[in-house]
Amino acid sequence: PDVSIKDGFVRIDPAAAGLIDDEDGDEPGRAGFDPKGRPRGPKDAGGNR
């Protein structure tokens, strides 16, 4: 991001910030993620969830 405190603005690249969709779509992302196929362990295993 380009920040100028004196002028009072912040400029952000929308593609880098993820505000616009990528034309390619070849990068792995959450679109193909299947949370049901992920092993979670026993319900009483504890831990942060």
N, C-alpha and C. Protein backbone atom coordinates (compact mmCIF):
# COMPACT_ATOMS: atom_id res chain seq x y z
N PRO A 1 0.83 -1.21 0.00
CA PRO A 1 0.00 0.00 0.00
C PRO A 1 0.86 1.25 0.00
N ASP A 2 0.33 2.27 -0.62
CA ASP A 2 1.00 3.56 -0.67
C ASP A 2 0.30 4.47 0.33
N VAL A 3 1.02 4.90 1.38
CA VAL A 3 0.43 5.68 2.46
C VAL A 3 1.11 7.03 2.55
N SER A 4 0.32 8.09 2.63
CA SER A 4 0.85 9.43 2.85
C SER A 4 0.08 10.06 4.00
N ILE A 5 0.74 10.19 5.15
CA ILE A 5 0.08 10.78 6.32
C ILE A 5 -0.12 12.27 6.10
N LYS A 6 0.85 12.90 5.45
CA LYS A 6 0.78 14.35 5.24
C LYS A 6 -0.43 14.71 4.37
N ASP A 7 -0.64 13.95 3.29
CA ASP A 7 -1.75 14.23 2.39
C ASP A 7 -3.04 13.56 2.84
N GLY A 8 -2.95 12.57 3.73
CA GLY A 8 -4.15 11.93 4.28
C GLY A 8 -4.79 10.92 3.35
N PHE A 9 -4.00 10.08 2.71
CA PHE A 9 -4.59 9.05 1.84
C PHE A 9 -3.86 7.73 1.99
N VAL A 10 -4.56 6.68 1.62
CA VAL A 10 -4.00 5.34 1.55
C VAL A 10 -4.40 4.75 0.20
N ARG A 11 -3.43 4.30 -0.57
CA ARG A 11 -3.72 3.70 -1.87
C ARG A 11 -3.36 2.22 -1.80
N ILE A 12 -4.31 1.36 -2.15
CA ILE A 12 -4.13 -0.09 -2.07
C ILE A 12 -4.35 -0.70 -3.45
N ASP A 13 -3.48 -1.63 -3.81
CA ASP A 13 -3.64 -2.35 -5.07
C ASP A 13 -4.80 -3.34 -4.91
N PRO A 14 -5.92 -3.17 -5.63
CA PRO A 14 -7.08 -4.03 -5.43
C PRO A 14 -6.82 -5.50 -5.74
N ALA A 15 -5.94 -5.80 -6.69
CA ALA A 15 -5.64 -7.20 -7.01
C ALA A 15 -4.86 -7.84 -5.86
N ALA A 16 -3.90 -7.10 -5.29
CA ALA A 16 -3.10 -7.64 -4.19
C ALA A 16 -3.94 -7.79 -2.92
N ALA A 17 -4.94 -6.94 -2.76
CA ALA A 17 -5.79 -7.01 -1.57
C ALA A 17 -6.89 -8.06 -1.71
N GLY A 18 -7.03 -8.65 -2.90
CA GLY A 18 -8.05 -9.67 -3.12
C GLY A 18 -9.43 -9.10 -3.34
N LEU A 19 -9.50 -7.84 -3.77
CA LEU A 19 -10.79 -7.19 -3.98
C LEU A 19 -11.37 -7.48 -5.36
N ILE A 20 -10.53 -7.91 -6.30
CA ILE A 20 -11.04 -8.26 -7.63
C ILE A 20 -10.68 -9.71 -7.91
N ASP A 21 -11.50 -10.36 -8.70
CA ASP A 21 -11.26 -11.76 -9.03
C ASP A 21 -10.14 -11.88 -10.05
N ASP A 22 -9.37 -12.94 -9.91
CA ASP A 22 -8.29 -13.22 -10.84
C ASP A 22 -8.89 -13.85 -12.10
N GLU A 23 -8.42 -13.42 -13.24
CA GLU A 23 -8.94 -13.95 -14.51
C GLU A 23 -8.56 -15.42 -14.70
N ASP A 24 -7.36 -15.81 -14.21
CA ASP A 24 -6.88 -17.16 -14.44
C ASP A 24 -7.70 -18.19 -13.68
N GLY A 25 -7.76 -18.05 -12.39
CA GLY A 25 -8.46 -19.02 -11.58
C GLY A 25 -7.69 -20.32 -11.40
N ASP A 26 -6.40 -20.33 -11.77
CA ASP A 26 -5.60 -21.54 -11.68
C ASP A 26 -5.01 -21.75 -10.28
N GLU A 27 -4.96 -20.71 -9.48
CA GLU A 27 -4.36 -20.83 -8.16
C GLU A 27 -5.27 -21.62 -7.23
N PRO A 28 -4.68 -22.47 -6.40
CA PRO A 28 -5.52 -23.20 -5.45
C PRO A 28 -6.11 -22.24 -4.42
N GLY A 29 -7.36 -22.45 -4.12
CA GLY A 29 -8.02 -21.57 -3.17
C GLY A 29 -9.07 -22.32 -2.40
N ARG A 30 -10.00 -21.60 -1.83
CA ARG A 30 -11.04 -22.21 -1.03
C ARG A 30 -12.17 -22.77 -1.88
N ALA A 31 -12.18 -22.51 -3.18
CA ALA A 31 -13.27 -22.97 -4.02
C ALA A 31 -13.34 -24.49 -4.06
N GLY A 32 -12.20 -25.18 -4.09
CA GLY A 32 -12.20 -26.63 -4.16
C GLY A 32 -12.03 -27.30 -2.81
N PHE A 33 -12.12 -26.54 -1.73
CA PHE A 33 -11.89 -27.09 -0.39
C PHE A 33 -13.12 -27.83 0.10
N ASP A 34 -12.94 -29.08 0.55
CA ASP A 34 -14.04 -29.89 1.08
C ASP A 34 -13.77 -30.15 2.56
N PRO A 35 -14.42 -29.42 3.47
CA PRO A 35 -14.13 -29.59 4.90
C PRO A 35 -14.60 -30.93 5.44
N LYS A 36 -15.53 -31.60 4.77
CA LYS A 36 -16.04 -32.88 5.27
C LYS A 36 -15.02 -34.00 5.10
N GLY A 37 -14.10 -33.86 4.14
CA GLY A 37 -13.11 -34.89 3.90
C GLY A 37 -11.89 -34.76 4.80
N ARG A 38 -11.90 -33.80 5.69
CA ARG A 38 -10.75 -33.53 6.55
C ARG A 38 -10.90 -34.25 7.88
N PRO A 39 -9.94 -35.07 8.27
CA PRO A 39 -10.06 -35.77 9.56
C PRO A 39 -9.93 -34.80 10.72
N ARG A 40 -10.86 -34.86 11.66
CA ARG A 40 -10.86 -33.95 12.79
C ARG A 40 -10.51 -34.63 14.11
N GLY A 41 -10.56 -35.94 14.18
CA GLY A 41 -10.26 -36.64 15.42
C GLY A 41 -11.52 -36.77 16.27
N PRO A 42 -11.38 -37.38 17.43
CA PRO A 42 -12.55 -37.56 18.30
C PRO A 42 -13.08 -36.22 18.79
N LYS A 43 -14.38 -36.17 19.06
CA LYS A 43 -15.01 -34.93 19.50
C LYS A 43 -14.48 -34.47 20.86
N ASP A 44 -14.04 -35.40 21.69
CA ASP A 44 -13.55 -35.03 23.02
C ASP A 44 -12.03 -34.88 23.05
N ALA A 45 -11.41 -34.63 21.89
CA ALA A 45 -9.95 -34.53 21.82
C ALA A 45 -9.44 -33.22 22.41
N GLY A 46 -10.30 -32.22 22.54
CA GLY A 46 -9.88 -30.94 23.09
C GLY A 46 -9.18 -30.08 22.05
N GLY A 47 -8.44 -29.12 22.51
CA GLY A 47 -7.73 -28.22 21.60
C GLY A 47 -8.56 -27.00 21.26
N ASN A 48 -7.94 -26.07 20.54
CA ASN A 48 -8.64 -24.84 20.15
C ASN A 48 -9.38 -25.08 18.85
N ARG A 49 -10.66 -24.85 18.86
CA ARG A 49 -11.46 -24.96 17.64
C ARG A 49 -12.39 -23.80 17.57
